[in-house]
Structure formats: structure tokens, C-alpha cells
PDB file of N, CA and C in Angstrom:
ATOM      1  N   MET A   1      11.866  37.281  -7.817  1.00  0.00           N
ATOM      2  CA  MET A   1      11.714  35.925  -7.340  1.00  0.00           C
ATOM      3  C   MET A   1      12.900  35.075  -7.742  1.00  0.00           C
ATOM      4  N   CYS A   2      13.316  34.210  -6.863  1.00  0.00           N
ATOM      5  CA  CYS A   2      14.430  33.306  -7.144  1.00  0.00           C
ATOM      6  C   CYS A   2      13.946  32.121  -7.960  1.00  0.00           C
ATOM      7  N   LYS A   3      14.689  31.809  -8.970  1.00  0.00           N
ATOM      8  CA  LYS A   3      14.372  30.659  -9.809  1.00  0.00           C
ATOM      9  C   LYS A   3      15.207  29.466  -9.344  1.00  0.00           C
ATOM     10  N   ILE A   4      14.550  28.352  -9.111  1.00  0.00           N
ATOM     11  CA  ILE A   4      15.260  27.137  -8.731  1.00  0.00           C
ATOM     12  C   ILE A   4      15.786  26.491  -9.999  1.00  0.00           C
ATOM     13  N   GLU A   5      17.104  26.308 -10.044  1.00  0.00           N
ATOM     14  CA  GLU A   5      17.731  25.743 -11.233  1.00  0.00           C
ATOM     15  C   GLU A   5      18.099  24.288 -10.996  1.00  0.00           C
ATOM     16  N   ASP A   6      18.080  23.520 -12.064  1.00  0.00           N
ATOM     17  CA  ASP A   6      18.484  22.128 -11.985  1.00  0.00           C
ATOM     18  C   ASP A   6      19.981  21.966 -12.227  1.00  0.00           C
ATOM     19  N   ASP A   7      20.671  23.072 -12.495  1.00  0.00           N
ATOM     20  CA  ASP A   7      22.107  23.005 -12.754  1.00  0.00           C
ATOM     21  C   ASP A   7      22.853  22.597 -11.490  1.00  0.00           C
ATOM     22  N   PHE A   8      24.047  22.103 -11.707  1.00  0.00           N
ATOM     23  CA  PHE A   8      24.912  21.725 -10.595  1.00  0.00           C
ATOM     24  C   PHE A   8      25.292  22.995  -9.850  1.00  0.00           C
ATOM     25  N   ASN A   9      24.955  23.088  -8.576  1.00  0.00           N
ATOM     26  CA  ASN A   9      25.214  24.295  -7.811  1.00  0.00           C
ATOM     27  C   ASN A   9      25.917  23.961  -6.495  1.00  0.00           C
ATOM     28  N   PHE A  10      26.139  24.986  -5.693  1.00  0.00           N
ATOM     29  CA  PHE A  10      26.842  24.852  -4.426  1.00  0.00           C
ATOM     30  C   PHE A  10      26.192  23.806  -3.526  1.00  0.00           C
ATOM     31  N   TYR A  11      24.881  23.788  -3.440  1.00  0.00           N
ATOM     32  CA  TYR A  11      24.173  22.876  -2.553  1.00  0.00           C
ATOM     33  C   TYR A  11      24.300  21.433  -3.017  1.00  0.00           C
ATOM     34  N   GLN A  12      24.299  21.228  -4.313  1.00  0.00           N
ATOM     35  CA  GLN A  12      24.505  19.888  -4.835  1.00  0.00           C
ATOM     36  C   GLN A  12      25.932  19.413  -4.570  1.00  0.00           C
ATOM     37  N   VAL A  13      26.891  20.327  -4.688  1.00  0.00           N
ATOM     38  CA  VAL A  13      28.284  19.985  -4.389  1.00  0.00           C
ATOM     39  C   VAL A  13      28.390  19.561  -2.926  1.00  0.00           C
ATOM     40  N   CYS A  14      27.765  20.316  -2.025  1.00  0.00           N
ATOM     41  CA  CYS A  14      27.765  19.953  -0.597  1.00  0.00           C
ATOM     42  C   CYS A  14      27.131  18.583  -0.389  1.00  0.00           C
ATOM     43  N   GLY A  15      26.037  18.318  -1.080  1.00  0.00           N
ATOM     44  CA  GLY A  15      25.357  17.029  -0.963  1.00  0.00           C
ATOM     45  C   GLY A  15      26.234  15.882  -1.410  1.00  0.00           C
ATOM     46  N   TYR A  16      26.908  16.043  -2.540  1.00  0.00           N
ATOM     47  CA  TYR A  16      27.757  14.971  -3.045  1.00  0.00           C
ATOM     48  C   TYR A  16      29.011  14.780  -2.187  1.00  0.00           C
ATOM     49  N   ILE A  17      29.585  15.884  -1.708  1.00  0.00           N
ATOM     50  CA  ILE A  17      30.760  15.766  -0.830  1.00  0.00           C
ATOM     51  C   ILE A  17      30.364  15.040   0.451  1.00  0.00           C
ATOM     52  N   SER A  18      29.248  15.427   1.043  1.00  0.00           N
ATOM     53  CA  SER A  18      28.767  14.731   2.247  1.00  0.00           C
ATOM     54  C   SER A  18      28.450  13.283   1.933  1.00  0.00           C
ATOM     55  N   GLY A  19      27.886  13.057   0.753  1.00  0.00           N
ATOM     56  CA  GLY A  19      27.559  11.699   0.329  1.00  0.00           C
ATOM     57  C   GLY A  19      28.779  10.821   0.189  1.00  0.00           C
ATOM     58  N   VAL A  20      29.924  11.396  -0.094  1.00  0.00           N
ATOM     59  CA  VAL A  20      31.167  10.633  -0.165  1.00  0.00           C
ATOM     60  C   VAL A  20      31.756  10.444   1.238  1.00  0.00           C
ATOM     61  N   LEU A  21      31.693  11.496   2.043  1.00  0.00           N
ATOM     62  CA  LEU A  21      32.316  11.443   3.373  1.00  0.00           C
ATOM     63  C   LEU A  21      31.595  10.514   4.348  1.00  0.00           C
ATOM     64  N   PHE A  22      30.259  10.453   4.288  1.00  0.00           N
ATOM     65  CA  PHE A  22      29.531   9.575   5.213  1.00  0.00           C
ATOM     66  C   PHE A  22      29.954   8.113   5.074  1.00  0.00           C
ATOM     67  N   PRO A  23      29.911   7.534   3.884  1.00  0.00           N
ATOM     68  CA  PRO A  23      30.363   6.136   3.784  1.00  0.00           C
ATOM     69  C   PRO A  23      31.856   5.974   4.082  1.00  0.00           C
ATOM     70  N   LEU A  24      32.668   6.970   3.694  1.00  0.00           N
ATOM     71  CA  LEU A  24      34.105   6.867   3.959  1.00  0.00           C
ATOM     72  C   LEU A  24      34.394   6.820   5.452  1.00  0.00           C
ATOM     73  N   SER A  25      33.517   7.388   6.253  1.00  0.00           N
ATOM     74  CA  SER A  25      33.741   7.368   7.698  1.00  0.00           C
ATOM     75  C   SER A  25      33.629   5.951   8.267  1.00  0.00           C
ATOM     76  N   LEU A  26      32.962   5.058   7.567  1.00  0.00           N
ATOM     77  CA  LEU A  26      32.844   3.670   8.022  1.00  0.00           C
ATOM     78  C   LEU A  26      34.009   2.788   7.558  1.00  0.00           C
ATOM     79  N   VAL A  27      34.718   3.223   6.539  1.00  0.00           N
ATOM     80  CA  VAL A  27      35.794   2.405   5.974  1.00  0.00           C
ATOM     81  C   VAL A  27      36.874   2.068   7.007  1.00  0.00           C
ATOM     82  N   PRO A  28      37.361   3.019   7.812  1.00  0.00           N
ATOM     83  CA  PRO A  28      38.378   2.648   8.808  1.00  0.00           C
ATOM     84  C   PRO A  28      37.887   1.596   9.805  1.00  0.00           C
ATOM     85  N   GLN A  29      36.615   1.665  10.185  1.00  0.00           N
ATOM     86  CA  GLN A  29      36.077   0.676  11.127  1.00  0.00           C
ATOM     87  C   GLN A  29      36.003  -0.702  10.476  1.00  0.00           C
ATOM     88  N   VAL A  30      35.554  -0.750   9.230  1.00  0.00           N
ATOM     89  CA  VAL A  30      35.483  -2.027   8.524  1.00  0.00           C
ATOM     90  C   VAL A  30      36.895  -2.607   8.369  1.00  0.00           C
ATOM     91  N   TYR A  31      37.847  -1.775   8.008  1.00  0.00           N
ATOM     92  CA  TYR A  31      39.227  -2.235   7.822  1.00  0.00           C
ATOM     93  C   TYR A  31      39.808  -2.754   9.138  1.00  0.00           C
ATOM     94  N   LYS A  32      39.650  -1.971  10.205  1.00  0.00           N
ATOM     95  CA  LYS A  32      40.183  -2.387  11.513  1.00  0.00           C
ATOM     96  C   LYS A  32      39.523  -3.681  11.976  1.00  0.00           C
ATOM     97  N   SER A  33      38.226  -3.786  11.778  1.00  0.00           N
ATOM     98  CA  SER A  33      37.504  -4.988  12.188  1.00  0.00           C
ATOM     99  C   SER A  33      37.981  -6.202  11.399  1.00  0.00           C
ATOM    100  N   TYR A  34      38.238  -6.005  10.120  1.00  0.00           N
ATOM    101  CA  TYR A  34      38.727  -7.096   9.293  1.00  0.00           C
ATOM    102  C   TYR A  34      40.125  -7.543   9.738  1.00  0.00           C
ATOM    103  N   LYS A  35      40.993  -6.573  10.024  1.00  0.00           N
ATOM    104  CA  LYS A  35      42.368  -6.895  10.411  1.00  0.00           C
ATOM    105  C   LYS A  35      42.438  -7.537  11.801  1.00  0.00           C
ATOM    106  N   THR A  36      41.699  -7.002  12.773  1.00  0.00           N
ATOM    107  CA  THR A  36      41.791  -7.506  14.149  1.00  0.00           C
ATOM    108  C   THR A  36      40.830  -8.648  14.427  1.00  0.00           C
ATOM    109  N   LYS A  37      39.767  -8.712  13.638  1.00  0.00           N
ATOM    110  CA  LYS A  37      38.713  -9.714  13.814  1.00  0.00           C
ATOM    111  C   LYS A  37      38.071  -9.624  15.205  1.00  0.00           C
ATOM    112  N   LYS A  38      38.103  -8.435  15.780  1.00  0.00           N
ATOM    113  CA  LYS A  38      37.493  -8.175  17.082  1.00  0.00           C
ATOM    114  C   LYS A  38      36.344  -7.185  16.889  1.00  0.00           C
ATOM    115  N   LEU A  39      35.135  -7.659  17.069  1.00  0.00           N
ATOM    116  CA  LEU A  39      33.966  -6.815  16.895  1.00  0.00           C
ATOM    117  C   LEU A  39      33.053  -6.858  18.115  1.00  0.00           C
ATOM    118  N   ASP A  40      33.593  -7.233  19.252  1.00  0.00           N
ATOM    119  CA  ASP A  40      32.790  -7.342  20.469  1.00  0.00           C
ATOM    120  C   ASP A  40      32.165  -6.015  20.887  1.00  0.00           C
ATOM    121  N   ASP A  41      32.846  -4.911  20.619  1.00  0.00           N
ATOM    122  CA  ASP A  41      32.352  -3.601  21.042  1.00  0.00           C
ATOM    123  C   ASP A  41      31.297  -3.021  20.107  1.00  0.00           C
ATOM    124  N   ILE A  42      31.044  -3.683  19.002  1.00  0.00           N
ATOM    125  CA  ILE A  42      30.024  -3.209  18.074  1.00  0.00           C
ATOM    126  C   ILE A  42      28.731  -3.961  18.365  1.00  0.00           C
ATOM    127  N   SER A  43      27.700  -3.214  18.693  1.00  0.00           N
ATOM    128  CA  SER A  43      26.430  -3.789  19.110  1.00  0.00           C
ATOM    129  C   SER A  43      25.576  -4.204  17.915  1.00  0.00           C
ATOM    130  N   TYR A  44      24.965  -5.376  18.022  1.00  0.00           N
ATOM    131  CA  TYR A  44      24.002  -5.791  17.003  1.00  0.00           C
ATOM    132  C   TYR A  44      22.803  -4.827  16.965  1.00  0.00           C
ATOM    133  N   TYR A  45      22.424  -4.292  18.113  1.00  0.00           N
ATOM    134  CA  TYR A  45      21.298  -3.347  18.164  1.00  0.00           C
ATOM    135  C   TYR A  45      21.624  -2.073  17.392  1.00  0.00           C
ATOM    136  N   TRP A  46      22.847  -1.582  17.551  1.00  0.00           N
ATOM    137  CA  TRP A  46      23.265  -0.400  16.795  1.00  0.00           C
ATOM    138  C   TRP A  46      23.260  -0.714  15.301  1.00  0.00           C
ATOM    139  N   GLN A  47      23.798  -1.875  14.931  1.00  0.00           N
ATOM    140  CA  GLN A  47      23.849  -2.252  13.520  1.00  0.00           C
ATOM    141  C   GLN A  47      22.441  -2.366  12.938  1.00  0.00           C
ATOM    142  N   PHE A  48      21.542  -3.001  13.679  1.00  0.00           N
ATOM    143  CA  PHE A  48      20.165  -3.170  13.207  1.00  0.00           C
ATOM    144  C   PHE A  48      19.483  -1.810  13.033  1.00  0.00           C
ATOM    145  N   THR A  49      19.654  -0.919  14.002  1.00  0.00           N
ATOM    146  CA  THR A  49      19.065   0.422  13.916  1.00  0.00           C
ATOM    147  C   THR A  49      19.654   1.198  12.748  1.00  0.00           C
ATOM    148  N   PHE A  50      20.957   1.093  12.562  1.00  0.00           N
ATOM    149  CA  PHE A  50      21.634   1.786  11.460  1.00  0.00           C
ATOM    150  C   PHE A  50      21.129   1.270  10.112  1.00  0.00           C
ATOM    151  N   ILE A  51      20.990  -0.044   9.990  1.00  0.00           N
ATOM    152  CA  ILE A  51      20.491  -0.641   8.743  1.00  0.00           C
ATOM    153  C   ILE A  51      19.065  -0.171   8.457  1.00  0.00           C
ATOM    154  N   LEU A  52      18.200  -0.179   9.481  1.00  0.00           N
ATOM    155  CA  LEU A  52      16.829   0.289   9.290  1.00  0.00           C
ATOM    156  C   LEU A  52      16.789   1.750   8.867  1.00  0.00           C
ATOM    157  N   SER A  53      17.618   2.582   9.483  1.00  0.00           N
ATOM    158  CA  SER A  53      17.631   3.997   9.114  1.00  0.00           C
ATOM    159  C   SER A  53      18.129   4.195   7.684  1.00  0.00           C
ATOM    160  N   LEU A  54      19.106   3.409   7.269  1.00  0.00           N
ATOM    161  CA  LEU A  54      19.595   3.511   5.896  1.00  0.00           C
ATOM    162  C   LEU A  54      18.546   3.055   4.885  1.00  0.00           C
ATOM    163  N   VAL A  55      17.839   1.989   5.204  1.00  0.00           N
ATOM    164  CA  VAL A  55      16.776   1.529   4.296  1.00  0.00           C
ATOM    165  C   VAL A  55      15.704   2.614   4.163  1.00  0.00           C
ATOM    166  N   GLY A  56      15.333   3.232   5.287  1.00  0.00           N
ATOM    167  CA  GLY A  56      14.368   4.335   5.238  1.00  0.00           C
ATOM    168  C   GLY A  56      14.881   5.508   4.420  1.00  0.00           C
ATOM    169  N   ALA A  57      16.156   5.859   4.594  1.00  0.00           N
ATOM    170  CA  ALA A  57      16.748   6.956   3.827  1.00  0.00           C
ATOM    171  C   ALA A  57      16.790   6.636   2.337  1.00  0.00           C
ATOM    172  N   ILE A  58      17.078   5.381   2.014  1.00  0.00           N
ATOM    173  CA  ILE A  58      17.116   4.974   0.601  1.00  0.00           C
ATOM    174  C   ILE A  58      15.725   5.075  -0.016  1.00  0.00           C
ATOM    175  N   ILE A  59      14.724   4.578   0.677  1.00  0.00           N
ATOM    176  CA  ILE A  59      13.344   4.645   0.163  1.00  0.00           C
ATOM    177  C   ILE A  59      12.936   6.102  -0.055  1.00  0.00           C
ATOM    178  N   TYR A  60      13.174   6.941   0.955  1.00  0.00           N
ATOM    179  CA  TYR A  60      12.815   8.357   0.883  1.00  0.00           C
ATOM    180  C   TYR A  60      13.550   9.060  -0.249  1.00  0.00           C
ATOM    181  N   SER A  61      14.872   8.837  -0.322  1.00  0.00           N
ATOM    182  CA  SER A  61      15.664   9.564  -1.308  1.00  0.00           C
ATOM    183  C   SER A  61      15.405   9.087  -2.738  1.00  0.00           C
ATOM    184  N   ILE A  62      15.074   7.826  -2.918  1.00  0.00           N
ATOM    185  CA  ILE A  62      14.711   7.367  -4.269  1.00  0.00           C
ATOM    186  C   ILE A  62      13.374   7.971  -4.671  1.00  0.00           C
ATOM    187  N   HIS A  63      12.430   8.019  -3.742  1.00  0.00           N
ATOM    188  CA  HIS A  63      11.117   8.599  -4.043  1.00  0.00           C
ATOM    189  C   HIS A  63      11.236  10.060  -4.474  1.00  0.00           C
ATOM    190  N   TYR A  64      12.093  10.827  -3.798  1.00  0.00           N
ATOM    191  CA  TYR A  64      12.258  12.240  -4.117  1.00  0.00           C
ATOM    192  C   TYR A  64      13.455  12.507  -5.030  1.00  0.00           C
ATOM    193  N   ASN A  65      14.063  11.447  -5.565  1.00  0.00           N
ATOM    194  CA  ASN A  65      15.189  11.527  -6.492  1.00  0.00           C
ATOM    195  C   ASN A  65      16.335  12.368  -5.918  1.00  0.00           C
ATOM    196  N   LEU A  66      16.723  12.063  -4.697  1.00  0.00           N
ATOM    197  CA  LEU A  66      17.822  12.759  -4.028  1.00  0.00           C
ATOM    198  C   LEU A  66      19.084  11.918  -4.191  1.00  0.00           C
ATOM    199  N   LYS A  67      19.736  12.073  -5.333  1.00  0.00           N
ATOM    200  CA  LYS A  67      20.879  11.217  -5.675  1.00  0.00           C
ATOM    201  C   LYS A  67      21.990  11.203  -4.634  1.00  0.00           C
ATOM    202  N   PRO A  68      22.414  12.353  -4.099  1.00  0.00           N
ATOM    203  CA  PRO A  68      23.506  12.275  -3.104  1.00  0.00           C
ATOM    204  C   PRO A  68      23.143  11.411  -1.899  1.00  0.00           C
ATOM    205  N   ILE A  69      21.874  11.389  -1.544  1.00  0.00           N
ATOM    206  CA  ILE A  69      21.454  10.625  -0.371  1.00  0.00           C
ATOM    207  C   ILE A  69      21.403   9.133  -0.692  1.00  0.00           C
ATOM    208  N   TYR A  70      20.739   8.762  -1.779  1.00  0.00           N
ATOM    209  CA  TYR A  70      20.612   7.317  -2.010  1.00  0.00           C
ATOM    210  C   TYR A  70      21.900   6.668  -2.488  1.00  0.00           C
ATOM    211  N   ILE A  71      22.749   7.409  -3.159  1.00  0.00           N
ATOM    212  CA  ILE A  71      24.031   6.837  -3.572  1.00  0.00           C
ATOM    213  C   ILE A  71      24.887   6.551  -2.343  1.00  0.00           C
ATOM    214  N   SER A  72      25.012   7.546  -1.460  1.00  0.00           N
ATOM    215  CA  SER A  72      25.832   7.331  -0.262  1.00  0.00           C
ATOM    216  C   SER A  72      25.195   6.308   0.671  1.00  0.00           C
ATOM    217  N   SER A  73      23.872   6.295   0.747  1.00  0.00           N
ATOM    218  CA  SER A  73      23.189   5.334   1.623  1.00  0.00           C
ATOM    219  C   SER A  73      23.416   3.898   1.157  1.00  0.00           C
ATOM    220  N   PHE A  74      23.465   3.678  -0.147  1.00  0.00           N
ATOM    221  CA  PHE A  74      23.767   2.336  -0.657  1.00  0.00           C
ATOM    222  C   PHE A  74      25.170   1.900  -0.250  1.00  0.00           C
ATOM    223  N   PHE A  75      26.146   2.827  -0.350  1.00  0.00           N
ATOM    224  CA  PHE A  75      27.512   2.492   0.069  1.00  0.00           C
ATOM    225  C   PHE A  75      27.574   2.228   1.568  1.00  0.00           C
ATOM    226  N   GLU A  76      26.905   3.069   2.347  1.00  0.00           N
ATOM    227  CA  GLU A  76      26.883   2.867   3.797  1.00  0.00           C
ATOM    228  C   GLU A  76      26.228   1.537   4.151  1.00  0.00           C
ATOM    229  N   LEU A  77      25.141   1.207   3.471  1.00  0.00           N
ATOM    230  CA  LEU A  77      24.456  -0.056   3.723  1.00  0.00           C
ATOM    231  C   LEU A  77      25.378  -1.228   3.424  1.00  0.00           C
ATOM    232  N   THR A  78      26.118  -1.138   2.343  1.00  0.00           N
ATOM    233  CA  THR A  78      27.072  -2.193   2.000  1.00  0.00           C
ATOM    234  C   THR A  78      28.118  -2.356   3.097  1.00  0.00           C
ATOM    235  N   LEU A  79      28.646  -1.231   3.588  1.00  0.00           N
ATOM    236  CA  LEU A  79      29.684  -1.299   4.617  1.00  0.00           C
ATOM    237  C   LEU A  79      29.145  -1.819   5.946  1.00  0.00           C
ATOM    238  N   ILE A  80      27.960  -1.387   6.337  1.00  0.00           N
ATOM    239  CA  ILE A  80      27.411  -1.848   7.616  1.00  0.00           C
ATOM    240  C   ILE A  80      27.024  -3.324   7.526  1.00  0.00           C
ATOM    241  N   LEU A  81      26.593  -3.769   6.358  1.00  0.00           N
ATOM    242  CA  LEU A  81      26.319  -5.203   6.183  1.00  0.00           C
ATOM    243  C   LEU A  81      27.615  -6.005   6.274  1.00  0.00           C
ATOM    244  N   CYS A  82      28.721  -5.450   5.764  1.00  0.00           N
ATOM    245  CA  CYS A  82      30.020  -6.107   5.906  1.00  0.00           C
ATOM    246  C   CYS A  82      30.390  -6.240   7.379  1.00  0.00           C
ATOM    247  N   LEU A  83      30.191  -5.168   8.150  1.00  0.00           N
ATOM    248  CA  LEU A  83      30.478  -5.225   9.587  1.00  0.00           C
ATOM    249  C   LEU A  83      29.613  -6.261  10.289  1.00  0.00           C
ATOM    250  N   THR A  84      28.348  -6.300   9.923  1.00  0.00           N
ATOM    251  CA  THR A  84      27.426  -7.249  10.557  1.00  0.00           C
ATOM    252  C   THR A  84      27.825  -8.688  10.239  1.00  0.00           C
ATOM    253  N   ILE A  85      28.168  -8.946   9.003  1.00  0.00           N
ATOM    254  CA  ILE A  85      28.591 -10.289   8.601  1.00  0.00           C
ATOM    255  C   ILE A  85      29.892 -10.658   9.304  1.00  0.00           C
ATOM    256  N   MET A  86      30.842  -9.707   9.369  1.00  0.00           N
ATOM    257  CA  MET A  86      32.096  -9.991  10.063  1.00  0.00           C
ATOM    258  C   MET A  86      31.863 -10.251  11.548  1.00  0.00           C
ATOM    259  N   LYS A  87      30.965  -9.487  12.161  1.00  0.00           N
ATOM    260  CA  LYS A  87      30.675  -9.695  13.584  1.00  0.00           C
ATOM    261  C   LYS A  87      30.124 -11.101  13.796  1.00  0.00           C
ATOM    262  N   PHE A  88      29.276 -11.540  12.893  1.00  0.00           N
ATOM    263  CA  PHE A  88      28.716 -12.890  13.001  1.00  0.00           C
ATOM    264  C   PHE A  88      29.794 -13.950  12.780  1.00  0.00           C
ATOM    265  N   ILE A  89      30.614 -13.771  11.758  1.00  0.00           N
ATOM    266  CA  ILE A  89      31.648 -14.756  11.439  1.00  0.00           C
ATOM    267  C   ILE A  89      32.704 -14.834  12.533  1.00  0.00           C
ATOM    268  N   TYR A  90      33.123 -13.670  13.052  1.00  0.00           N
ATOM    269  CA  TYR A  90      34.213 -13.624  14.028  1.00  0.00           C
ATOM    270  C   TYR A  90      33.715 -13.629  15.475  1.00  0.00           C
ATOM    271  N   ARG A  91      32.468 -13.976  15.712  1.00  0.00           N
ATOM    272  CA  ARG A  91      31.882 -13.883  17.057  1.00  0.00           C
ATOM    273  C   ARG A  91      32.604 -14.742  18.080  1.00  0.00           C
ATOM    274  N   ASN A  92      33.195 -15.841  17.689  1.00  0.00           N
ATOM    275  CA  ASN A  92      33.903 -16.713  18.629  1.00  0.00           C
ATOM    276  C   ASN A  92      35.407 -16.499  18.599  1.00  0.00           C
ATOM    277  N   ASN A  93      35.859 -15.566  17.798  1.00  0.00           N
ATOM    278  CA  ASN A  93      37.288 -15.320  17.642  1.00  0.00           C
ATOM    279  C   ASN A  93      37.939 -14.902  18.947  1.00  0.00           C
ATOM    280  N   SER A  94      37.289 -14.038  19.731  1.00  0.00           N
ATOM    281  CA  SER A  94      37.902 -13.564  20.977  1.00  0.00           C
ATOM    282  C   SER A  94      38.071 -14.711  21.974  1.00  0.00           C
ATOM    283  N   VAL A  95      37.153 -15.679  21.947  1.00  0.00           N
ATOM    284  CA  VAL A  95      37.273 -16.837  22.828  1.00  0.00           C
ATOM    285  C   VAL A  95      38.500 -17.653  22.422  1.00  0.00           C
ATOM    286  N   ASN A  96      38.689 -17.868  21.136  1.00  0.00           N
ATOM    287  CA  ASN A  96      39.825 -18.646  20.654  1.00  0.00           C
ATOM    288  C   ASN A  96      41.144 -17.957  20.968  1.00  0.00           C
ATOM    289  N   VAL A  97      41.200 -16.645  20.826  1.00  0.00           N
ATOM    290  CA  VAL A  97      42.429 -15.902  21.103  1.00  0.00           C
ATOM    291  C   VAL A  97      42.769 -15.994  22.582  1.00  0.00           C
ATOM    292  N   ASN A  98      41.787 -15.853  23.454  1.00  0.00           N
ATOM    293  CA  ASN A  98      42.019 -15.944  24.894  1.00  0.00           C
ATOM    294  C   ASN A  98      42.475 -17.349  25.292  1.00  0.00           C
ATOM    295  N   ALA A  99      41.909 -18.362  24.680  1.00  0.00           N
ATOM    296  CA  ALA A  99      42.278 -19.738  25.006  1.00  0.00           C
ATOM    297  C   ALA A  99      43.728 -20.004  24.613  1.00  0.00           C
ATOM    298  N   VAL A 100      44.154 -19.456  23.486  1.00  0.00           N
ATOM    299  CA  VAL A 100      45.520 -19.652  23.044  1.00  0.00           C
ATOM    300  C   VAL A 100      46.494 -18.911  23.956  1.00  0.00           C
ATOM    301  N   GLU A 101      46.109 -17.700  24.408  1.00  0.00           N
ATOM    302  CA  GLU A 101      46.976 -16.915  25.274  1.00  0.00           C
ATOM    303  C   GLU A 101      47.175 -17.570  26.632  1.00  0.00           C
ATOM    304  N   ASN A 102      46.198 -18.324  27.114  1.00  0.00           N
ATOM    305  CA  ASN A 102      46.290 -18.961  28.424  1.00  0.00           C
ATOM    306  C   ASN A 102      47.111 -20.235  28.409  1.00  0.00           C
ATOM    307  N   VAL A 103      47.432 -20.729  27.234  1.00  0.00           N
ATOM    308  CA  VAL A 103      48.189 -21.983  27.135  1.00  0.00           C
ATOM    309  C   VAL A 103      49.642 -21.785  27.377  1.00  0.00           C
TER     310      VAL A 103
END
């Protein structure tokens, strides 16, 4: 019979690596959005669904003590909240840029 060990193993390494890569995949979008201040193509519906899924993942992973999941989910939640706040703040930016270009 196989004994399940609590030691750091291959599967935990995969979990932590994935846990780092998932939030890192949002960093370029947050950076580009911050630099260009153009977030028209990012849907509020997508952001809301993503936030809800992350909250569910955090609740589930904390309950089952799945550290790679809840650690990365907290980082992802932080990044998606940054995108949502930027989308709200810069929502009229494209109108201002177009008005200046037409002058």
C-alpha cells in the first residue's frame, strides 16, 4: 500500500509552481492597463465572474488547507481587483483621448 506523506513532493512542487504562474499571468495585463489606461476591452462581467470564482476557490482551499491554491488565489484576487479599480477610474479616459485627437 502507498503511504501518503506530508513531505514536500513532486505534486506539491507542481502546485506551488502553478500557484506562482497563475497570478503572474495577470501581471502583464495589469501593467499594460496601467500604462495605456485603456481598459475598454475588459468586460465587467468577466471581472465579476473571475472575482466570484476566486472567492469560491479561496473558501474551498482554506477549508481543505490547500496552500498553493489559496496563496495564488489571494494574489490573483488582488490583481483582478486592481484591474477592476483601474477600469472604473479610467472609464472616461478613451473619451478624453479621442476629444484631444480631434482638436
